[in-house]
Amino acid sequence: MGSLSVPWKQLLLTALETNAHLKYSSFFQLATVRPNGKPANRTVVFRGFQEGSDKIQINTDSRSHKIEDIKHCPFGEF
């Protein structure tokens, strides 16, 4: 999975491994800002890291509002 260059990455990997028996352990909430300025919070599924990086991968339908929200304001929290 590449180097562990950020302190939270190992914590996340350990938590995922510890809780692998829970089918919902890879779900997390992604908070973004909609084009109208209002917050949006939704559940997404952790799919791993982009190879050689600390960038988290999630999959979503291209018609999802998340796509437009992130294009409008590329900042978020999970």
PDB file of N, CA and C in Angstrom:
ATOM      1  N   MET A   1       0.815  -1.208   0.000  1.00  0.00           N
ATOM      2  CA  MET A   1       0.000   0.000   0.000  1.00  0.00           C
ATOM      3  C   MET A   1       0.850   1.259   0.000  1.00  0.00           C
ATOM      4  N   GLY A   2       2.099   1.179  -0.197  1.00  0.00           N
ATOM      5  CA  GLY A   2       2.925   2.373  -0.225  1.00  0.00           C
ATOM      6  C   GLY A   2       3.398   2.755   1.162  1.00  0.00           C
ATOM      7  N   SER A   3       4.139   3.827   1.226  1.00  0.00           N
ATOM      8  CA  SER A   3       4.686   4.266   2.508  1.00  0.00           C
ATOM      9  C   SER A   3       3.611   4.931   3.356  1.00  0.00           C
ATOM     10  N   LEU A   4       3.855   4.920   4.650  1.00  0.00           N
ATOM     11  CA  LEU A   4       2.919   5.534   5.593  1.00  0.00           C
ATOM     12  C   LEU A   4       3.437   6.921   5.933  1.00  0.00           C
ATOM     13  N   SER A   5       3.170   7.894   5.081  1.00  0.00           N
ATOM     14  CA  SER A   5       3.749   9.225   5.240  1.00  0.00           C
ATOM     15  C   SER A   5       2.903  10.173   6.081  1.00  0.00           C
ATOM     16  N   VAL A   6       1.687   9.810   6.405  1.00  0.00           N
ATOM     17  CA  VAL A   6       0.857  10.646   7.268  1.00  0.00           C
ATOM     18  C   VAL A   6       0.473   9.825   8.500  1.00  0.00           C
ATOM     19  N   PRO A   7       0.434  10.451   9.685  1.00  0.00           N
ATOM     20  CA  PRO A   7       0.224   9.681  10.912  1.00  0.00           C
ATOM     21  C   PRO A   7      -1.129   8.964  10.986  1.00  0.00           C
ATOM     22  N   TRP A   8      -2.146   9.497  10.358  1.00  0.00           N
ATOM     23  CA  TRP A   8      -3.475   8.893  10.448  1.00  0.00           C
ATOM     24  C   TRP A   8      -3.611   7.642   9.591  1.00  0.00           C
ATOM     25  N   LYS A   9      -2.751   7.458   8.615  1.00  0.00           N
ATOM     26  CA  LYS A   9      -2.902   6.324   7.696  1.00  0.00           C
ATOM     27  C   LYS A   9      -2.755   5.000   8.439  1.00  0.00           C
ATOM     28  N   GLN A  10      -1.737   4.873   9.280  1.00  0.00           N
ATOM     29  CA  GLN A  10      -1.567   3.629  10.027  1.00  0.00           C
ATOM     30  C   GLN A  10      -2.710   3.417  11.003  1.00  0.00           C
ATOM     31  N   LEU A  11      -3.205   4.486  11.623  1.00  0.00           N
ATOM     32  CA  LEU A  11      -4.353   4.366  12.523  1.00  0.00           C
ATOM     33  C   LEU A  11      -5.575   3.835  11.777  1.00  0.00           C
ATOM     34  N   LEU A  12      -5.803   4.355  10.582  1.00  0.00           N
ATOM     35  CA  LEU A  12      -6.936   3.903   9.767  1.00  0.00           C
ATOM     36  C   LEU A  12      -6.773   2.440   9.370  1.00  0.00           C
ATOM     37  N   LEU A  13      -5.594   2.072   8.903  1.00  0.00           N
ATOM     38  CA  LEU A  13      -5.354   0.690   8.492  1.00  0.00           C
ATOM     39  C   LEU A  13      -5.511  -0.279   9.665  1.00  0.00           C
ATOM     40  N   THR A  14      -5.029   0.110  10.837  1.00  0.00           N
ATOM     41  CA  THR A  14      -5.166  -0.725  12.029  1.00  0.00           C
ATOM     42  C   THR A  14      -6.638  -0.881  12.414  1.00  0.00           C
ATOM     43  N   ALA A  15      -7.377   0.208  12.392  1.00  0.00           N
ATOM     44  CA  ALA A  15      -8.807   0.155  12.733  1.00  0.00           C
ATOM     45  C   ALA A  15      -9.567  -0.728  11.748  1.00  0.00           C
ATOM     46  N   LEU A  16      -9.251  -0.614  10.460  1.00  0.00           N
ATOM     47  CA  LEU A  16      -9.914  -1.447   9.452  1.00  0.00           C
ATOM     48  C   LEU A  16      -9.605  -2.926   9.668  1.00  0.00           C
ATOM     49  N   GLU A  17      -8.349  -3.228   9.974  1.00  0.00           N
ATOM     50  CA  GLU A  17      -7.953  -4.615  10.211  1.00  0.00           C
ATOM     51  C   GLU A  17      -8.615  -5.173  11.470  1.00  0.00           C
ATOM     52  N   THR A  18      -8.622  -4.386  12.530  1.00  0.00           N
ATOM     53  CA  THR A  18      -9.210  -4.811  13.799  1.00  0.00           C
ATOM     54  C   THR A  18     -10.701  -5.084  13.660  1.00  0.00           C
ATOM     55  N   ASN A  19     -11.368  -4.282  12.843  1.00  0.00           N
ATOM     56  CA  ASN A  19     -12.827  -4.377  12.714  1.00  0.00           C
ATOM     57  C   ASN A  19     -13.279  -5.025  11.420  1.00  0.00           C
ATOM     58  N   ALA A  20     -12.392  -5.755  10.755  1.00  0.00           N
ATOM     59  CA  ALA A  20     -12.717  -6.370   9.465  1.00  0.00           C
ATOM     60  C   ALA A  20     -13.915  -7.310   9.553  1.00  0.00           C
ATOM     61  N   HIS A  21     -14.184  -7.855  10.712  1.00  0.00           N
ATOM     62  CA  HIS A  21     -15.317  -8.763  10.886  1.00  0.00           C
ATOM     63  C   HIS A  21     -16.667  -8.029  10.857  1.00  0.00           C
ATOM     64  N   LEU A  22     -16.650  -6.714  10.948  1.00  0.00           N
ATOM     65  CA  LEU A  22     -17.878  -5.910  10.886  1.00  0.00           C
ATOM     66  C   LEU A  22     -18.074  -5.431   9.451  1.00  0.00           C
ATOM     67  N   LYS A  23     -19.169  -5.834   8.813  1.00  0.00           N
ATOM     68  CA  LYS A  23     -19.325  -5.530   7.391  1.00  0.00           C
ATOM     69  C   LYS A  23     -19.403  -4.023   7.118  1.00  0.00           C
ATOM     70  N   TYR A  24     -19.759  -3.242   8.101  1.00  0.00           N
ATOM     71  CA  TYR A  24     -19.866  -1.799   7.914  1.00  0.00           C
ATOM     72  C   TYR A  24     -18.577  -1.055   8.298  1.00  0.00           C
ATOM     73  N   SER A  25     -17.514  -1.769   8.629  1.00  0.00           N
ATOM     74  CA  SER A  25     -16.296  -1.114   9.111  1.00  0.00           C
ATOM     75  C   SER A  25     -15.609  -0.257   8.053  1.00  0.00           C
ATOM     76  N   SER A  26     -15.907  -0.461   6.791  1.00  0.00           N
ATOM     77  CA  SER A  26     -15.270   0.346   5.746  1.00  0.00           C
ATOM     78  C   SER A  26     -16.141   1.529   5.308  1.00  0.00           C
ATOM     79  N   PHE A  27     -17.272   1.741   5.979  1.00  0.00           N
ATOM     80  CA  PHE A  27     -18.127   2.891   5.668  1.00  0.00           C
ATOM     81  C   PHE A  27     -17.646   4.096   6.463  1.00  0.00           C
ATOM     82  N   PHE A  28     -17.719   5.261   5.869  1.00  0.00           N
ATOM     83  CA  PHE A  28     -17.442   6.484   6.603  1.00  0.00           C
ATOM     84  C   PHE A  28     -18.279   7.606   6.034  1.00  0.00           C
ATOM     85  N   GLN A  29     -18.339   8.719   6.753  1.00  0.00           N
ATOM     86  CA  GLN A  29     -19.136   9.853   6.320  1.00  0.00           C
ATOM     87  C   GLN A  29     -18.224  10.876   5.657  1.00  0.00           C
ATOM     88  N   LEU A  30     -18.695  11.377   4.532  1.00  0.00           N
ATOM     89  CA  LEU A  30     -17.995  12.412   3.775  1.00  0.00           C
ATOM     90  C   LEU A  30     -18.845  13.676   3.819  1.00  0.00           C
ATOM     91  N   ALA A  31     -18.276  14.732   4.367  1.00  0.00           N
ATOM     92  CA  ALA A  31     -18.975  16.016   4.447  1.00  0.00           C
ATOM     93  C   ALA A  31     -18.401  16.951   3.393  1.00  0.00           C
ATOM     94  N   THR A  32     -19.287  17.545   2.613  1.00  0.00           N
ATOM     95  CA  THR A  32     -18.904  18.503   1.575  1.00  0.00           C
ATOM     96  C   THR A  32     -19.800  19.727   1.676  1.00  0.00           C
ATOM     97  N   VAL A  33     -19.563  20.685   0.792  1.00  0.00           N
ATOM     98  CA  VAL A  33     -20.398  21.885   0.722  1.00  0.00           C
ATOM     99  C   VAL A  33     -21.068  21.913  -0.643  1.00  0.00           C
ATOM    100  N   ARG A  34     -22.376  22.051  -0.645  1.00  0.00           N
ATOM    101  CA  ARG A  34     -23.143  22.113  -1.895  1.00  0.00           C
ATOM    102  C   ARG A  34     -22.933  23.467  -2.574  1.00  0.00           C
ATOM    103  N   PRO A  35     -23.220  23.543  -3.881  1.00  0.00           N
ATOM    104  CA  PRO A  35     -23.094  24.829  -4.586  1.00  0.00           C
ATOM    105  C   PRO A  35     -23.915  25.956  -3.953  1.00  0.00           C
ATOM    106  N   ASN A  36     -25.001  25.610  -3.245  1.00  0.00           N
ATOM    107  CA  ASN A  36     -25.820  26.640  -2.593  1.00  0.00           C
ATOM    108  C   ASN A  36     -25.242  27.060  -1.237  1.00  0.00           C
ATOM    109  N   GLY A  37     -24.056  26.507  -0.878  1.00  0.00           N
ATOM    110  CA  GLY A  37     -23.397  26.877   0.368  1.00  0.00           C
ATOM    111  C   GLY A  37     -23.798  26.048   1.572  1.00  0.00           C
ATOM    112  N   LYS A  38     -24.765  25.158   1.419  1.00  0.00           N
ATOM    113  CA  LYS A  38     -25.214  24.331   2.536  1.00  0.00           C
ATOM    114  C   LYS A  38     -24.377  23.060   2.628  1.00  0.00           C
ATOM    115  N   PRO A  39     -24.170  22.555   3.843  1.00  0.00           N
ATOM    116  CA  PRO A  39     -23.375  21.341   4.012  1.00  0.00           C
ATOM    117  C   PRO A  39     -24.142  20.097   3.569  1.00  0.00           C
ATOM    118  N   ALA A  40     -23.397  19.089   3.184  1.00  0.00           N
ATOM    119  CA  ALA A  40     -23.973  17.789   2.847  1.00  0.00           C
ATOM    120  C   ALA A  40     -23.102  16.728   3.504  1.00  0.00           C
ATOM    121  N   ASN A  41     -23.715  15.736   4.102  1.00  0.00           N
ATOM    122  CA  ASN A  41     -22.996  14.656   4.752  1.00  0.00           C
ATOM    123  C   ASN A  41     -23.610  13.346   4.285  1.00  0.00           C
ATOM    124  N   ARG A  42     -22.766  12.447   3.767  1.00  0.00           N
ATOM    125  CA  ARG A  42     -23.298  11.187   3.282  1.00  0.00           C
ATOM    126  C   ARG A  42     -22.319  10.063   3.557  1.00  0.00           C
ATOM    127  N   THR A  43     -22.841   8.854   3.546  1.00  0.00           N
ATOM    128  CA  THR A  43     -22.028   7.675   3.794  1.00  0.00           C
ATOM    129  C   THR A  43     -21.420   7.195   2.481  1.00  0.00           C
ATOM    130  N   VAL A  44     -20.121   6.896   2.519  1.00  0.00           N
ATOM    131  CA  VAL A  44     -19.409   6.352   1.367  1.00  0.00           C
ATOM    132  C   VAL A  44     -18.617   5.131   1.845  1.00  0.00           C
ATOM    133  N   VAL A  45     -18.034   4.394   0.910  1.00  0.00           N
ATOM    134  CA  VAL A  45     -17.294   3.180   1.236  1.00  0.00           C
ATOM    135  C   VAL A  45     -15.816   3.373   0.911  1.00  0.00           C
ATOM    136  N   PHE A  46     -14.972   3.108   1.897  1.00  0.00           N
ATOM    137  CA  PHE A  46     -13.528   3.162   1.716  1.00  0.00           C
ATOM    138  C   PHE A  46     -13.115   2.035   0.784  1.00  0.00           C
ATOM    139  N   ARG A  47     -12.390   2.362  -0.288  1.00  0.00           N
ATOM    140  CA  ARG A  47     -11.953   1.360  -1.272  1.00  0.00           C
ATOM    141  C   ARG A  47     -10.446   1.187  -1.300  1.00  0.00           C
ATOM    142  N   GLY A  48      -9.737   1.860  -0.426  1.00  0.00           N
ATOM    143  CA  GLY A  48      -8.285   1.734  -0.374  1.00  0.00           C
ATOM    144  C   GLY A  48      -7.619   3.069  -0.633  1.00  0.00           C
ATOM    145  N   PHE A  49      -6.341   2.992  -0.931  1.00  0.00           N
ATOM    146  CA  PHE A  49      -5.554   4.177  -1.245  1.00  0.00           C
ATOM    147  C   PHE A  49      -5.077   4.096  -2.686  1.00  0.00           C
ATOM    148  N   GLN A  50      -4.944   5.236  -3.333  1.00  0.00           N
ATOM    149  CA  GLN A  50      -4.317   5.247  -4.646  1.00  0.00           C
ATOM    150  C   GLN A  50      -2.898   4.751  -4.464  1.00  0.00           C
ATOM    151  N   GLU A  51      -2.439   3.930  -5.375  1.00  0.00           N
ATOM    152  CA  GLU A  51      -1.125   3.310  -5.253  1.00  0.00           C
ATOM    153  C   GLU A  51      -0.029   4.346  -5.038  1.00  0.00           C
ATOM    154  N   GLY A  52       0.787   4.106  -4.009  1.00  0.00           N
ATOM    155  CA  GLY A  52       1.918   4.971  -3.723  1.00  0.00           C
ATOM    156  C   GLY A  52       1.564   6.330  -3.158  1.00  0.00           C
ATOM    157  N   SER A  53       0.339   6.476  -2.619  1.00  0.00           N
ATOM    158  CA  SER A  53      -0.049   7.777  -2.098  1.00  0.00           C
ATOM    159  C   SER A  53      -0.892   7.623  -0.837  1.00  0.00           C
ATOM    160  N   ASP A  54      -1.255   8.762  -0.266  1.00  0.00           N
ATOM    161  CA  ASP A  54      -2.147   8.799   0.889  1.00  0.00           C
ATOM    162  C   ASP A  54      -3.562   9.208   0.483  1.00  0.00           C
ATOM    163  N   LYS A  55      -3.825   9.223  -0.812  1.00  0.00           N
ATOM    164  CA  LYS A  55      -5.149   9.625  -1.304  1.00  0.00           C
ATOM    165  C   LYS A  55      -6.128   8.469  -1.177  1.00  0.00           C
ATOM    166  N   ILE A  56      -7.220   8.733  -0.484  1.00  0.00           N
ATOM    167  CA  ILE A  56      -8.246   7.721  -0.252  1.00  0.00           C
ATOM    168  C   ILE A  56      -9.106   7.555  -1.503  1.00  0.00           C
ATOM    169  N   GLN A  57      -9.442   6.307  -1.810  1.00  0.00           N
ATOM    170  CA  GLN A  57     -10.312   6.021  -2.945  1.00  0.00           C
ATOM    171  C   GLN A  57     -11.701   5.651  -2.453  1.00  0.00           C
ATOM    172  N   ILE A  58     -12.691   6.250  -3.096  1.00  0.00           N
ATOM    173  CA  ILE A  58     -14.086   5.859  -2.916  1.00  0.00           C
ATOM    174  C   ILE A  58     -14.689   5.764  -4.309  1.00  0.00           C
ATOM    175  N   ASN A  59     -15.736   4.992  -4.442  1.00  0.00           N
ATOM    176  CA  ASN A  59     -16.453   4.894  -5.704  1.00  0.00           C
ATOM    177  C   ASN A  59     -17.834   5.494  -5.513  1.00  0.00           C
ATOM    178  N   THR A  60     -18.338   6.125  -6.564  1.00  0.00           N
ATOM    179  CA  THR A  60     -19.690   6.655  -6.515  1.00  0.00           C
ATOM    180  C   THR A  60     -20.248   6.704  -7.928  1.00  0.00           C
ATOM    181  N   ASP A  61     -21.530   6.789  -8.038  1.00  0.00           N
ATOM    182  CA  ASP A  61     -22.194   6.932  -9.324  1.00  0.00           C
ATOM    183  C   ASP A  61     -21.903   8.328  -9.863  1.00  0.00           C
ATOM    184  N   SER A  62     -21.557   8.438 -11.125  1.00  0.00           N
ATOM    185  CA  SER A  62     -21.213   9.748 -11.710  1.00  0.00           C
ATOM    186  C   SER A  62     -22.387  10.723 -11.695  1.00  0.00           C
ATOM    187  N   ARG A  63     -23.586  10.228 -11.499  1.00  0.00           N
ATOM    188  CA  ARG A  63     -24.769  11.101 -11.429  1.00  0.00           C
ATOM    189  C   ARG A  63     -25.026  11.606 -10.012  1.00  0.00           C
ATOM    190  N   SER A  64     -24.197  11.166  -9.061  1.00  0.00           N
ATOM    191  CA  SER A  64     -24.371  11.544  -7.662  1.00  0.00           C
ATOM    192  C   SER A  64     -24.150  13.038  -7.468  1.00  0.00           C
ATOM    193  N   HIS A  65     -24.854  13.606  -6.521  1.00  0.00           N
ATOM    194  CA  HIS A  65     -24.658  15.012  -6.175  1.00  0.00           C
ATOM    195  C   HIS A  65     -23.263  15.267  -5.603  1.00  0.00           C
ATOM    196  N   LYS A  66     -22.623  14.225  -5.071  1.00  0.00           N
ATOM    197  CA  LYS A  66     -21.275  14.382  -4.521  1.00  0.00           C
ATOM    198  C   LYS A  66     -20.320  14.940  -5.573  1.00  0.00           C
ATOM    199  N   ILE A  67     -20.462  14.483  -6.790  1.00  0.00           N
ATOM    200  CA  ILE A  67     -19.555  14.906  -7.866  1.00  0.00           C
ATOM    201  C   ILE A  67     -19.658  16.418  -8.077  1.00  0.00           C
ATOM    202  N   GLU A  68     -20.860  16.921  -8.216  1.00  0.00           N
ATOM    203  CA  GLU A  68     -21.067  18.358  -8.414  1.00  0.00           C
ATOM    204  C   GLU A  68     -20.593  19.157  -7.207  1.00  0.00           C
ATOM    205  N   ASP A  69     -20.883  18.641  -6.016  1.00  0.00           N
ATOM    206  CA  ASP A  69     -20.458  19.329  -4.797  1.00  0.00           C
ATOM    207  C   ASP A  69     -18.936  19.469  -4.749  1.00  0.00           C
ATOM    208  N   ILE A  70     -18.236  18.386  -5.038  1.00  0.00           N
ATOM    209  CA  ILE A  70     -16.769  18.406  -4.981  1.00  0.00           C
ATOM    210  C   ILE A  70     -16.188  19.254  -6.093  1.00  0.00           C
ATOM    211  N   LYS A  71     -16.810  19.271  -7.262  1.00  0.00           N
ATOM    212  CA  LYS A  71     -16.352  20.161  -8.343  1.00  0.00           C
ATOM    213  C   LYS A  71     -16.497  21.621  -7.918  1.00  0.00           C
ATOM    214  N   HIS A  72     -17.596  21.915  -7.224  1.00  0.00           N
ATOM    215  CA  HIS A  72     -17.862  23.290  -6.767  1.00  0.00           C
ATOM    216  C   HIS A  72     -16.891  23.703  -5.661  1.00  0.00           C
ATOM    217  N   CYS A  73     -16.694  22.821  -4.694  1.00  0.00           N
ATOM    218  CA  CYS A  73     -15.830  23.119  -3.539  1.00  0.00           C
ATOM    219  C   CYS A  73     -15.048  21.853  -3.206  1.00  0.00           C
ATOM    220  N   PRO A  74     -13.785  21.770  -3.608  1.00  0.00           N
ATOM    221  CA  PRO A  74     -13.034  20.512  -3.462  1.00  0.00           C
ATOM    222  C   PRO A  74     -12.558  20.199  -2.047  1.00  0.00           C
ATOM    223  N   PHE A  75     -13.100  20.863  -1.051  1.00  0.00           N
ATOM    224  CA  PHE A  75     -12.724  20.594   0.331  1.00  0.00           C
ATOM    225  C   PHE A  75     -13.806  19.751   1.000  1.00  0.00           C
ATOM    226  N   GLY A  76     -13.402  18.912   1.915  1.00  0.00           N
ATOM    227  CA  GLY A  76     -14.357  18.097   2.634  1.00  0.00           C
ATOM    228  C   GLY A  76     -13.694  17.482   3.845  1.00  0.00           C
ATOM    229  N   GLU A  77     -14.486  16.777   4.637  1.00  0.00           N
ATOM    230  CA  GLU A  77     -13.966  16.061   5.792  1.00  0.00           C
ATOM    231  C   GLU A  77     -14.662  14.724   5.853  1.00  0.00           C
ATOM    232  N   PHE A  78     -13.952  13.779   6.441  1.00  0.00           N
ATOM    233  CA  PHE A  78     -14.589  12.474   6.679  1.00  0.00           C
ATOM    234  C   PHE A  78     -14.282  12.022   8.093  1.00  0.00           C
TER     235      PHE A  78
END
